[in-house]
């Protein structure tokens, strides 16, 4: 096994292509989800299409298409460690980004 193959720097052009591919994956997932909801006009039917218990297609689109695409983008720019004033260096995890961006009470279940 030749380690030099793994240590070669990535050219800016190939990194741009890599990142463009990640953005394209998010765009494709969003397009698929929009098409899923745009397939029906009735608001009640759209609510049913968004309920993963009643319609497994939406859970597949979100969990198998959108989530991995967003995860790849976040992981690419995520630093390995975060400096904390109290405990010093702390391992950074993708879930920390999600928790930091979510606002409590913003999303309420539809009744």
PDB file of N, CA and C in Angstrom:
ATOM      1  N   UNK A   1       0.849  -1.186   0.000  1.00  0.00           N
ATOM      2  CA  UNK A   1       0.000   0.000   0.000  1.00  0.00           C
ATOM      3  C   UNK A   1       0.886   1.239   0.000  1.00  0.00           C
ATOM      4  N   UNK A   2       0.644   2.136  -0.907  1.00  0.00           N
ATOM      5  CA  UNK A   2       1.419   3.351  -1.035  1.00  0.00           C
ATOM      6  C   UNK A   2       0.670   4.501  -0.372  1.00  0.00           C
ATOM      7  N   UNK A   3       1.234   5.026   0.718  1.00  0.00           N
ATOM      8  CA  UNK A   3       0.579   6.113   1.449  1.00  0.00           C
ATOM      9  C   UNK A   3       0.626   7.434   0.699  1.00  0.00           C
ATOM     10  N   UNK A   4       1.546   7.578  -0.247  1.00  0.00           N
ATOM     11  CA  UNK A   4       1.641   8.833  -0.999  1.00  0.00           C
ATOM     12  C   UNK A   4       0.364   9.104  -1.796  1.00  0.00           C
ATOM     13  N   UNK A   5      -0.340   8.040  -2.186  1.00  0.00           N
ATOM     14  CA  UNK A   5      -1.598   8.239  -2.910  1.00  0.00           C
ATOM     15  C   UNK A   5      -2.638   8.931  -2.040  1.00  0.00           C
ATOM     16  N   UNK A   6      -2.551   8.728  -0.737  1.00  0.00           N
ATOM     17  CA  UNK A   6      -3.532   9.319   0.178  1.00  0.00           C
ATOM     18  C   UNK A   6      -3.113  10.695   0.670  1.00  0.00           C
ATOM     19  N   UNK A   7      -1.840  11.020   0.524  1.00  0.00           N
ATOM     20  CA  UNK A   7      -1.330  12.274   1.065  1.00  0.00           C
ATOM     21  C   UNK A   7      -1.175  13.363   0.012  1.00  0.00           C
ATOM     22  N   UNK A   8      -1.490  13.080  -1.231  1.00  0.00           N
ATOM     23  CA  UNK A   8      -1.339  14.094  -2.271  1.00  0.00           C
ATOM     24  C   UNK A   8      -2.405  15.168  -2.090  1.00  0.00           C
ATOM     25  N   UNK A   9      -2.003  16.439  -2.242  1.00  0.00           N
ATOM     26  CA  UNK A   9      -2.987  17.516  -2.073  1.00  0.00           C
ATOM     27  C   UNK A   9      -4.016  17.508  -3.201  1.00  0.00           C
ATOM     28  N   UNK A  10      -5.191  17.970  -2.877  1.00  0.00           N
ATOM     29  CA  UNK A  10      -6.276  18.047  -3.854  1.00  0.00           C
ATOM     30  C   UNK A  10      -6.193  19.401  -4.546  1.00  0.00           C
ATOM     31  N   UNK A  11      -6.260  19.393  -5.862  1.00  0.00           N
ATOM     32  CA  UNK A  11      -6.213  20.655  -6.600  1.00  0.00           C
ATOM     33  C   UNK A  11      -7.502  21.431  -6.351  1.00  0.00           C
ATOM     34  N   UNK A  12      -7.439  22.755  -6.426  1.00  0.00           N
ATOM     35  CA  UNK A  12      -8.651  23.555  -6.212  1.00  0.00           C
ATOM     36  C   UNK A  12      -9.771  23.202  -7.185  1.00  0.00           C
ATOM     37  N   UNK A  13      -9.415  22.863  -8.431  1.00  0.00           N
ATOM     38  CA  UNK A  13     -10.431  22.520  -9.413  1.00  0.00           C
ATOM     39  C   UNK A  13     -11.134  21.215  -9.065  1.00  0.00           C
ATOM     40  N   UNK A  14     -10.376  20.208  -8.619  1.00  0.00           N
ATOM     41  CA  UNK A  14     -11.018  18.944  -8.263  1.00  0.00           C
ATOM     42  C   UNK A  14     -11.837  19.096  -6.984  1.00  0.00           C
ATOM     43  N   UNK A  15     -11.386  19.949  -6.054  1.00  0.00           N
ATOM     44  CA  UNK A  15     -12.179  20.189  -4.849  1.00  0.00           C
ATOM     45  C   UNK A  15     -13.477  20.903  -5.208  1.00  0.00           C
ATOM     46  N   UNK A  16     -13.414  21.848  -6.149  1.00  0.00           N
ATOM     47  CA  UNK A  16     -14.612  22.542  -6.593  1.00  0.00           C
ATOM     48  C   UNK A  16     -15.597  21.555  -7.209  1.00  0.00           C
ATOM     49  N   UNK A  17     -15.096  20.637  -8.016  1.00  0.00           N
ATOM     50  CA  UNK A  17     -15.959  19.622  -8.626  1.00  0.00           C
ATOM     51  C   UNK A  17     -16.584  18.741  -7.557  1.00  0.00           C
ATOM     52  N   UNK A  18     -15.787  18.374  -6.553  1.00  0.00           N
ATOM     53  CA  UNK A  18     -16.273  17.548  -5.447  1.00  0.00           C
ATOM     54  C   UNK A  18     -17.382  18.279  -4.698  1.00  0.00           C
ATOM     55  N   UNK A  19     -17.158  19.552  -4.368  1.00  0.00           N
ATOM     56  CA  UNK A  19     -18.146  20.331  -3.627  1.00  0.00           C
ATOM     57  C   UNK A  19     -19.387  20.583  -4.483  1.00  0.00           C
ATOM     58  N   UNK A  20     -19.199  20.834  -5.774  1.00  0.00           N
ATOM     59  CA  UNK A  20     -20.335  21.033  -6.674  1.00  0.00           C
ATOM     60  C   UNK A  20     -21.189  19.767  -6.721  1.00  0.00           C
ATOM     61  N   UNK A  21     -20.547  18.612  -6.677  1.00  0.00           N
ATOM     62  CA  UNK A  21     -21.284  17.347  -6.649  1.00  0.00           C
ATOM     63  C   UNK A  21     -22.110  17.207  -5.382  1.00  0.00           C
ATOM     64  N   UNK A  22     -21.555  17.659  -4.254  1.00  0.00           N
ATOM     65  CA  UNK A  22     -22.295  17.599  -2.997  1.00  0.00           C
ATOM     66  C   UNK A  22     -23.518  18.517  -3.051  1.00  0.00           C
ATOM     67  N   UNK A  23     -23.345  19.708  -3.602  1.00  0.00           N
ATOM     68  CA  UNK A  23     -24.473  20.643  -3.720  1.00  0.00           C
ATOM     69  C   UNK A  23     -25.525  20.116  -4.690  1.00  0.00           C
ATOM     70  N   UNK A  24     -25.083  19.464  -5.743  1.00  0.00           N
ATOM     71  CA  UNK A  24     -26.014  18.885  -6.706  1.00  0.00           C
ATOM     72  C   UNK A  24     -26.853  17.790  -6.049  1.00  0.00           C
ATOM     73  N   UNK A  25     -26.243  17.020  -5.140  1.00  0.00           N
ATOM     74  CA  UNK A  25     -26.982  15.965  -4.433  1.00  0.00           C
ATOM     75  C   UNK A  25     -28.083  16.569  -3.563  1.00  0.00           C
ATOM     76  N   UNK A  26     -27.804  17.692  -2.903  1.00  0.00           N
ATOM     77  CA  UNK A  26     -28.827  18.369  -2.093  1.00  0.00           C
ATOM     78  C   UNK A  26     -29.936  18.892  -2.995  1.00  0.00           C
ATOM     79  N   UNK A  27     -29.554  19.492  -4.097  1.00  0.00           N
ATOM     80  CA  UNK A  27     -30.540  20.032  -5.035  1.00  0.00           C
ATOM     81  C   UNK A  27     -31.440  18.928  -5.587  1.00  0.00           C
ATOM     82  N   UNK A  28     -30.863  17.790  -5.922  1.00  0.00           N
ATOM     83  CA  UNK A  28     -31.648  16.667  -6.423  1.00  0.00           C
ATOM     84  C   UNK A  28     -32.628  16.162  -5.368  1.00  0.00           C
ATOM     85  N   UNK A  29     -32.158  16.047  -4.120  1.00  0.00           N
ATOM     86  CA  UNK A  29     -33.029  15.584  -3.039  1.00  0.00           C
ATOM     87  C   UNK A  29     -34.188  16.550  -2.821  1.00  0.00           C
ATOM     88  N   UNK A  30     -33.904  17.839  -2.840  1.00  0.00           N
ATOM     89  CA  UNK A  30     -34.966  18.846  -2.668  1.00  0.00           C
ATOM     90  C   UNK A  30     -35.956  18.770  -3.826  1.00  0.00           C
ATOM     91  N   UNK A  31     -35.458  18.596  -5.041  1.00  0.00           N
ATOM     92  CA  UNK A  31     -36.346  18.476  -6.198  1.00  0.00           C
ATOM     93  C   UNK A  31     -37.264  17.260  -6.067  1.00  0.00           C
ATOM     94  N   UNK A  32     -36.716  16.148  -5.588  1.00  0.00           N
ATOM     95  CA  UNK A  32     -37.532  14.940  -5.408  1.00  0.00           C
ATOM     96  C   UNK A  32     -38.606  15.139  -4.341  1.00  0.00           C
ATOM     97  N   UNK A  33     -38.254  15.817  -3.267  1.00  0.00           N
ATOM     98  CA  UNK A  33     -39.224  16.086  -2.193  1.00  0.00           C
ATOM     99  C   UNK A  33     -40.299  17.050  -2.686  1.00  0.00           C
ATOM    100  N   UNK A  34     -39.900  18.076  -3.432  1.00  0.00           N
ATOM    101  CA  UNK A  34     -40.883  19.025  -3.977  1.00  0.00           C
ATOM    102  C   UNK A  34     -41.828  18.313  -4.943  1.00  0.00           C
ATOM    103  N   UNK A  35     -41.296  17.437  -5.784  1.00  0.00           N
ATOM    104  CA  UNK A  35     -42.140  16.690  -6.728  1.00  0.00           C
ATOM    105  C   UNK A  35     -43.100  15.781  -5.973  1.00  0.00           C
ATOM    106  N   UNK A  36     -42.634  15.225  -4.852  1.00  0.00           N
ATOM    107  CA  UNK A  36     -43.483  14.367  -4.023  1.00  0.00           C
ATOM    108  C   UNK A  36     -44.714  15.141  -3.543  1.00  0.00           C
ATOM    109  N   UNK A  37     -44.501  16.355  -3.047  1.00  0.00           N
ATOM    110  CA  UNK A  37     -45.615  17.152  -2.537  1.00  0.00           C
ATOM    111  C   UNK A  37     -46.430  17.797  -3.652  1.00  0.00           C
ATOM    112  N   UNK A  38     -45.786  18.137  -4.758  1.00  0.00           N
ATOM    113  CA  UNK A  38     -46.507  18.776  -5.865  1.00  0.00           C
ATOM    114  C   UNK A  38     -47.355  17.799  -6.667  1.00  0.00           C
ATOM    115  N   UNK A  39     -47.234  16.507  -6.363  1.00  0.00           N
ATOM    116  CA  UNK A  39     -48.031  15.511  -7.084  1.00  0.00           C
ATOM    117  C   UNK A  39     -49.507  15.576  -6.689  1.00  0.00           C
ATOM    118  N   UNK A  40     -49.822  16.242  -5.607  1.00  0.00           N
ATOM    119  CA  UNK A  40     -51.208  16.378  -5.145  1.00  0.00           C
ATOM    120  C   UNK A  40     -51.526  17.852  -4.922  1.00  0.00           C
ATOM    121  N   UNK A  41     -52.788  18.215  -5.115  1.00  0.00           N
ATOM    122  CA  UNK A  41     -53.226  19.597  -4.930  1.00  0.00           C
ATOM    123  C   UNK A  41     -53.976  19.810  -3.619  1.00  0.00           C
ATOM    124  N   UNK A  42     -54.629  18.777  -3.126  1.00  0.00           N
ATOM    125  CA  UNK A  42     -55.444  18.874  -1.920  1.00  0.00           C
ATOM    126  C   UNK A  42     -54.551  19.051  -0.679  1.00  0.00           C
ATOM    127  N   UNK A  43     -54.790  20.101   0.136  1.00  0.00           N
ATOM    128  CA  UNK A  43     -53.973  20.315   1.337  1.00  0.00           C
ATOM    129  C   UNK A  43     -53.996  19.131   2.312  1.00  0.00           C
ATOM    130  N   UNK A  44     -55.147  18.482   2.446  1.00  0.00           N
ATOM    131  CA  UNK A  44     -55.240  17.315   3.334  1.00  0.00           C
ATOM    132  C   UNK A  44     -54.342  16.179   2.832  1.00  0.00           C
ATOM    133  N   UNK A  45     -54.333  15.998   1.537  1.00  0.00           N
ATOM    134  CA  UNK A  45     -53.499  14.959   0.937  1.00  0.00           C
ATOM    135  C   UNK A  45     -52.009  15.292   1.099  1.00  0.00           C
ATOM    136  N   UNK A  46     -51.665  16.568   1.016  1.00  0.00           N
ATOM    137  CA  UNK A  46     -50.272  16.981   1.214  1.00  0.00           C
ATOM    138  C   UNK A  46     -49.822  16.718   2.646  1.00  0.00           C
ATOM    139  N   UNK A  47     -50.728  16.897   3.597  1.00  0.00           N
ATOM    140  CA  UNK A  47     -50.403  16.590   4.991  1.00  0.00           C
ATOM    141  C   UNK A  47     -50.135  15.095   5.140  1.00  0.00           C
ATOM    142  N   UNK A  48     -50.953  14.287   4.485  1.00  0.00           N
ATOM    143  CA  UNK A  48     -50.745  12.842   4.532  1.00  0.00           C
ATOM    144  C   UNK A  48     -49.417  12.460   3.878  1.00  0.00           C
ATOM    145  N   UNK A  49     -49.052  13.124   2.800  1.00  0.00           N
ATOM    146  CA  UNK A  49     -47.788  12.846   2.115  1.00  0.00           C
ATOM    147  C   UNK A  49     -46.581  13.206   2.983  1.00  0.00           C
ATOM    148  N   UNK A  50     -46.757  14.119   3.912  1.00  0.00           N
ATOM    149  CA  UNK A  50     -45.662  14.518   4.790  1.00  0.00           C
ATOM    150  C   UNK A  50     -45.555  13.703   6.058  1.00  0.00           C
ATOM    151  N   UNK A  51     -46.520  12.824   6.314  1.00  0.00           N
ATOM    152  CA  UNK A  51     -46.508  11.985   7.511  1.00  0.00           C
ATOM    153  C   UNK A  51     -45.814  10.666   7.182  1.00  0.00           C
ATOM    154  N   UNK A  52     -44.662  10.431   7.789  1.00  0.00           N
ATOM    155  CA  UNK A  52     -43.882   9.229   7.467  1.00  0.00           C
ATOM    156  C   UNK A  52     -44.560   7.940   7.919  1.00  0.00           C
ATOM    157  N   UNK A  53     -45.507   8.038   8.841  1.00  0.00           N
ATOM    158  CA  UNK A  53     -46.241   6.837   9.253  1.00  0.00           C
ATOM    159  C   UNK A  53     -47.268   6.415   8.201  1.00  0.00           C
ATOM    160  N   UNK A  54     -47.809   7.399   7.486  1.00  0.00           N
ATOM    161  CA  UNK A  54     -48.814   7.113   6.466  1.00  0.00           C
ATOM    162  C   UNK A  54     -48.213   6.969   5.063  1.00  0.00           C
ATOM    163  N   UNK A  55     -47.090   7.593   4.840  1.00  0.00           N
ATOM    164  CA  UNK A  55     -46.463   7.585   3.516  1.00  0.00           C
ATOM    165  C   UNK A  55     -44.956   7.354   3.684  1.00  0.00           C
ATOM    166  N   UNK A  56     -44.522   6.145   3.395  1.00  0.00           N
ATOM    167  CA  UNK A  56     -43.105   5.822   3.599  1.00  0.00           C
ATOM    168  C   UNK A  56     -42.191   6.473   2.572  1.00  0.00           C
ATOM    169  N   UNK A  57     -42.742   6.977   1.501  1.00  0.00           N
ATOM    170  CA  UNK A  57     -41.924   7.628   0.474  1.00  0.00           C
ATOM    171  C   UNK A  57     -41.205   8.845   1.034  1.00  0.00           C
ATOM    172  N   UNK A  58     -41.893   9.647   1.854  1.00  0.00           N
ATOM    173  CA  UNK A  58     -41.265  10.852   2.392  1.00  0.00           C
ATOM    174  C   UNK A  58     -40.116  10.504   3.326  1.00  0.00           C
ATOM    175  N   UNK A  59     -40.270   9.460   4.129  1.00  0.00           N
ATOM    176  CA  UNK A  59     -39.159   9.081   5.014  1.00  0.00           C
ATOM    177  C   UNK A  59     -37.975   8.598   4.195  1.00  0.00           C
ATOM    178  N   UNK A  60     -38.229   7.879   3.109  1.00  0.00           N
ATOM    179  CA  UNK A  60     -37.133   7.441   2.243  1.00  0.00           C
ATOM    180  C   UNK A  60     -36.435   8.637   1.604  1.00  0.00           C
ATOM    181  N   UNK A  61     -37.213   9.594   1.104  1.00  0.00           N
ATOM    182  CA  UNK A  61     -36.625  10.770   0.467  1.00  0.00           C
ATOM    183  C   UNK A  61     -35.772  11.581   1.440  1.00  0.00           C
ATOM    184  N   UNK A  62     -36.267  11.745   2.657  1.00  0.00           N
ATOM    185  CA  UNK A  62     -35.530  12.549   3.638  1.00  0.00           C
ATOM    186  C   UNK A  62     -34.333  11.787   4.191  1.00  0.00           C
ATOM    187  N   UNK A  63     -34.554  10.537   4.607  1.00  0.00           N
ATOM    188  CA  UNK A  63     -33.485   9.781   5.268  1.00  0.00           C
ATOM    189  C   UNK A  63     -32.438   9.207   4.313  1.00  0.00           C
ATOM    190  N   UNK A  64     -32.824   8.888   3.098  1.00  0.00           N
ATOM    191  CA  UNK A  64     -31.889   8.265   2.157  1.00  0.00           C
ATOM    192  C   UNK A  64     -31.356   9.225   1.095  1.00  0.00           C
ATOM    193  N   UNK A  65     -32.021  10.355   0.897  1.00  0.00           N
ATOM    194  CA  UNK A  65     -31.585  11.306  -0.128  1.00  0.00           C
ATOM    195  C   UNK A  65     -31.078  12.614   0.490  1.00  0.00           C
ATOM    196  N   UNK A  66     -31.961  13.302   1.218  1.00  0.00           N
ATOM    197  CA  UNK A  66     -31.616  14.631   1.724  1.00  0.00           C
ATOM    198  C   UNK A  66     -30.604  14.588   2.868  1.00  0.00           C
ATOM    199  N   UNK A  67     -30.859  13.747   3.865  1.00  0.00           N
ATOM    200  CA  UNK A  67     -29.974  13.690   5.030  1.00  0.00           C
ATOM    201  C   UNK A  67     -28.525  13.377   4.657  1.00  0.00           C
ATOM    202  N   UNK A  68     -28.241  12.332   3.857  1.00  0.00           N
ATOM    203  CA  UNK A  68     -26.833  12.062   3.518  1.00  0.00           C
ATOM    204  C   UNK A  68     -26.183  13.200   2.726  1.00  0.00           C
ATOM    205  N   UNK A  69     -26.957  13.868   1.869  1.00  0.00           N
ATOM    206  CA  UNK A  69     -26.403  14.964   1.086  1.00  0.00           C
ATOM    207  C   UNK A  69     -25.996  16.132   1.983  1.00  0.00           C
ATOM    208  N   UNK A  70     -26.865  16.486   2.921  1.00  0.00           N
ATOM    209  CA  UNK A  70     -26.537  17.578   3.857  1.00  0.00           C
ATOM    210  C   UNK A  70     -25.416  17.155   4.793  1.00  0.00           C
ATOM    211  N   UNK A  71     -25.427  15.908   5.232  1.00  0.00           N
ATOM    212  CA  UNK A  71     -24.385  15.407   6.121  1.00  0.00           C
ATOM    213  C   UNK A  71     -23.006  15.506   5.469  1.00  0.00           C
ATOM    214  N   UNK A  72     -22.899  15.185   4.191  1.00  0.00           N
ATOM    215  CA  UNK A  72     -21.617  15.268   3.493  1.00  0.00           C
ATOM    216  C   UNK A  72     -21.091  16.693   3.446  1.00  0.00           C
ATOM    217  N   UNK A  73     -21.977  17.650   3.233  1.00  0.00           N
ATOM    218  CA  UNK A  73     -21.545  19.049   3.198  1.00  0.00           C
ATOM    219  C   UNK A  73     -21.083  19.507   4.575  1.00  0.00           C
ATOM    220  N   UNK A  74     -21.850  19.172   5.607  1.00  0.00           N
ATOM    221  CA  UNK A  74     -21.482  19.593   6.962  1.00  0.00           C
ATOM    222  C   UNK A  74     -20.197  18.926   7.422  1.00  0.00           C
ATOM    223  N   UNK A  75     -20.033  17.655   7.127  1.00  0.00           N
ATOM    224  CA  UNK A  75     -18.815  16.946   7.531  1.00  0.00           C
ATOM    225  C   UNK A  75     -17.586  17.514   6.848  1.00  0.00           C
ATOM    226  N   UNK A  76     -17.733  17.938   5.601  1.00  0.00           N
ATOM    227  CA  UNK A  76     -16.604  18.453   4.842  1.00  0.00           C
ATOM    228  C   UNK A  76     -16.027  19.713   5.476  1.00  0.00           C
ATOM    229  N   UNK A  77     -16.878  20.573   6.016  1.00  0.00           N
ATOM    230  CA  UNK A  77     -16.410  21.821   6.599  1.00  0.00           C
ATOM    231  C   UNK A  77     -16.312  21.811   8.110  1.00  0.00           C
ATOM    232  N   UNK A  78     -16.572  20.673   8.724  1.00  0.00           N
ATOM    233  CA  UNK A  78     -16.589  20.597  10.186  1.00  0.00           C
ATOM    234  C   UNK A  78     -15.187  20.383  10.735  1.00  0.00           C
ATOM    235  N   UNK A  79     -14.759  21.253  11.616  1.00  0.00           N
ATOM    236  CA  UNK A  79     -13.456  21.092  12.255  1.00  0.00           C
ATOM    237  C   UNK A  79     -13.524  19.943  13.254  1.00  0.00           C
ATOM    238  N   UNK A  80     -12.394  19.274  13.438  1.00  0.00           N
ATOM    239  CA  UNK A  80     -12.362  18.100  14.319  1.00  0.00           C
ATOM    240  C   UNK A  80     -12.614  18.472  15.781  1.00  0.00           C
ATOM    241  N   UNK A  81     -12.127  19.653  16.190  1.00  0.00           N
ATOM    242  CA  UNK A  81     -12.276  20.048  17.591  1.00  0.00           C
ATOM    243  C   UNK A  81     -12.802  21.467  17.688  1.00  0.00           C
ATOM    244  N   UNK A  82     -13.476  21.733  18.800  1.00  0.00           N
ATOM    245  CA  UNK A  82     -14.005  23.057  19.101  1.00  0.00           C
ATOM    246  C   UNK A  82     -13.382  23.509  20.412  1.00  0.00           C
ATOM    247  N   UNK A  83     -12.992  24.765  20.469  1.00  0.00           N
ATOM    248  CA  UNK A  83     -12.431  25.288  21.711  1.00  0.00           C
ATOM    249  C   UNK A  83     -13.558  25.728  22.628  1.00  0.00           C
ATOM    250  N   UNK A  84     -13.525  25.245  23.843  1.00  0.00           N
ATOM    251  CA  UNK A  84     -14.525  25.581  24.852  1.00  0.00           C
ATOM    252  C   UNK A  84     -13.807  26.320  25.972  1.00  0.00           C
ATOM    253  N   UNK A  85     -14.367  27.427  26.436  1.00  0.00           N
ATOM    254  CA  UNK A  85     -13.715  28.222  27.471  1.00  0.00           C
ATOM    255  C   UNK A  85     -13.571  27.470  28.787  1.00  0.00           C
ATOM    256  N   UNK A  86     -14.508  26.596  29.097  1.00  0.00           N
ATOM    257  CA  UNK A  86     -14.497  25.913  30.387  1.00  0.00           C
ATOM    258  C   UNK A  86     -13.663  24.641  30.352  1.00  0.00           C
ATOM    259  N   UNK A  87     -13.911  23.785  29.359  1.00  0.00           N
ATOM    260  CA  UNK A  87     -13.210  22.488  29.360  1.00  0.00           C
ATOM    261  C   UNK A  87     -12.108  22.382  28.323  1.00  0.00           C
ATOM    262  N   UNK A  88     -11.819  23.440  27.594  1.00  0.00           N
ATOM    263  CA  UNK A  88     -10.742  23.415  26.609  1.00  0.00           C
ATOM    264  C   UNK A  88     -11.209  22.834  25.285  1.00  0.00           C
ATOM    265  N   UNK A  89     -10.367  21.948  24.741  1.00  0.00           N
ATOM    266  CA  UNK A  89     -10.677  21.375  23.432  1.00  0.00           C
ATOM    267  C   UNK A  89     -11.730  20.275  23.558  1.00  0.00           C
ATOM    268  N   UNK A  90     -12.762  20.364  22.732  1.00  0.00           N
ATOM    269  CA  UNK A  90     -13.855  19.400  22.780  1.00  0.00           C
ATOM    270  C   UNK A  90     -14.084  18.857  21.375  1.00  0.00           C
ATOM    271  N   UNK A  91     -14.284  17.551  21.262  1.00  0.00           N
ATOM    272  CA  UNK A  91     -14.510  16.918  19.963  1.00  0.00           C
ATOM    273  C   UNK A  91     -15.809  17.447  19.351  1.00  0.00           C
ATOM    274  N   UNK A  92     -15.729  17.864  18.122  1.00  0.00           N
ATOM    275  CA  UNK A  92     -16.878  18.405  17.420  1.00  0.00           C
ATOM    276  C   UNK A  92     -17.615  17.274  16.720  1.00  0.00           C
ATOM    277  N   UNK A  93     -18.919  17.247  16.838  1.00  0.00           N
ATOM    278  CA  UNK A  93     -19.736  16.222  16.205  1.00  0.00           C
ATOM    279  C   UNK A  93     -20.795  16.893  15.352  1.00  0.00           C
ATOM    280  N   UNK A  94     -21.220  16.194  14.331  1.00  0.00           N
ATOM    281  CA  UNK A  94     -22.230  16.725  13.427  1.00  0.00           C
ATOM    282  C   UNK A  94     -23.520  17.066  14.174  1.00  0.00           C
ATOM    283  N   UNK A  95     -23.871  16.258  15.158  1.00  0.00           N
ATOM    284  CA  UNK A  95     -25.102  16.504  15.911  1.00  0.00           C
ATOM    285  C   UNK A  95     -25.030  17.827  16.665  1.00  0.00           C
ATOM    286  N   UNK A  96     -23.841  18.255  17.099  1.00  0.00           N
ATOM    287  CA  UNK A  96     -23.689  19.545  17.783  1.00  0.00           C
ATOM    288  C   UNK A  96     -24.107  20.694  16.867  1.00  0.00           C
ATOM    289  N   UNK A  97     -23.797  20.581  15.573  1.00  0.00           N
ATOM    290  CA  UNK A  97     -24.186  21.611  14.613  1.00  0.00           C
ATOM    291  C   UNK A  97     -25.701  21.674  14.506  1.00  0.00           C
ATOM    292  N   UNK A  98     -26.325  20.519  14.452  1.00  0.00           N
ATOM    293  CA  UNK A  98     -27.786  20.459  14.347  1.00  0.00           C
ATOM    294  C   UNK A  98     -28.440  21.049  15.587  1.00  0.00           C
ATOM    295  N   UNK A  99     -27.927  20.686  16.765  1.00  0.00           N
ATOM    296  CA  UNK A  99     -28.491  21.220  18.008  1.00  0.00           C
ATOM    297  C   UNK A  99     -28.317  22.727  18.094  1.00  0.00           C
ATOM    298  N   UNK A 100     -27.173  23.223  17.642  1.00  0.00           N
ATOM    299  CA  UNK A 100     -26.907  24.654  17.731  1.00  0.00           C
ATOM    300  C   UNK A 100     -27.788  25.467  16.787  1.00  0.00           C
ATOM    301  N   UNK A 101     -28.186  24.882  15.668  1.00  0.00           N
ATOM    302  CA  UNK A 101     -28.989  25.628  14.705  1.00  0.00           C
ATOM    303  C   UNK A 101     -30.491  25.491  14.928  1.00  0.00           C
ATOM    304  N   UNK A 102     -30.895  24.489  15.688  1.00  0.00           N
ATOM    305  CA  UNK A 102     -32.328  24.294  15.956  1.00  0.00           C
ATOM    306  C   UNK A 102     -32.766  25.236  17.069  1.00  0.00           C
ATOM    307  N   UNK A 103     -33.921  25.832  16.879  1.00  0.00           N
ATOM    308  CA  UNK A 103     -34.473  26.697  17.921  1.00  0.00           C
ATOM    309  C   UNK A 103     -35.587  25.953  18.633  1.00  0.00           C
ATOM    310  N   UNK A 104     -35.501  25.819  19.952  1.00  0.00           N
ATOM    311  CA  UNK A 104     -36.560  25.103  20.677  1.00  0.00           C
ATOM    312  C   UNK A 104     -37.911  25.773  20.504  1.00  0.00           C
ATOM    313  N   UNK A 105     -38.933  24.953  20.308  1.00  0.00           N
ATOM    314  CA  UNK A 105     -40.288  25.462  20.199  1.00  0.00           C
ATOM    315  C   UNK A 105     -40.652  26.003  18.837  1.00  0.00           C
ATOM    316  N   UNK A 106     -39.702  25.990  17.896  1.00  0.00           N
ATOM    317  CA  UNK A 106     -39.980  26.532  16.578  1.00  0.00           C
ATOM    318  C   UNK A 106     -40.908  25.638  15.785  1.00  0.00           C
ATOM    319  N   UNK A 107     -40.704  24.336  15.905  1.00  0.00           N
ATOM    320  CA  UNK A 107     -41.516  23.408  15.147  1.00  0.00           C
ATOM    321  C   UNK A 107     -42.477  22.690  16.077  1.00  0.00           C
ATOM    322  N   UNK A 108     -43.752  22.817  15.772  1.00  0.00           N
ATOM    323  CA  UNK A 108     -44.767  22.147  16.563  1.00  0.00           C
ATOM    324  C   UNK A 108     -45.460  21.118  15.691  1.00  0.00           C
ATOM    325  N   UNK A 109     -45.866  19.990  16.248  1.00  0.00           N
ATOM    326  CA  UNK A 109     -46.547  18.990  15.429  1.00  0.00           C
ATOM    327  C   UNK A 109     -47.892  19.498  14.916  1.00  0.00           C
ATOM    328  N   UNK A 110     -48.239  19.054  13.730  1.00  0.00           N
ATOM    329  CA  UNK A 110     -49.534  19.418  13.141  1.00  0.00           C
ATOM    330  C   UNK A 110     -50.606  18.562  13.784  1.00  0.00           C
ATOM    331  N   UNK A 111     -51.686  19.195  14.204  1.00  0.00           N
ATOM    332  CA  UNK A 111     -52.773  18.442  14.854  1.00  0.00           C
ATOM    333  C   UNK A 111     -54.018  18.525  14.044  1.00  0.00           C
TER     334      UNK A 111
END
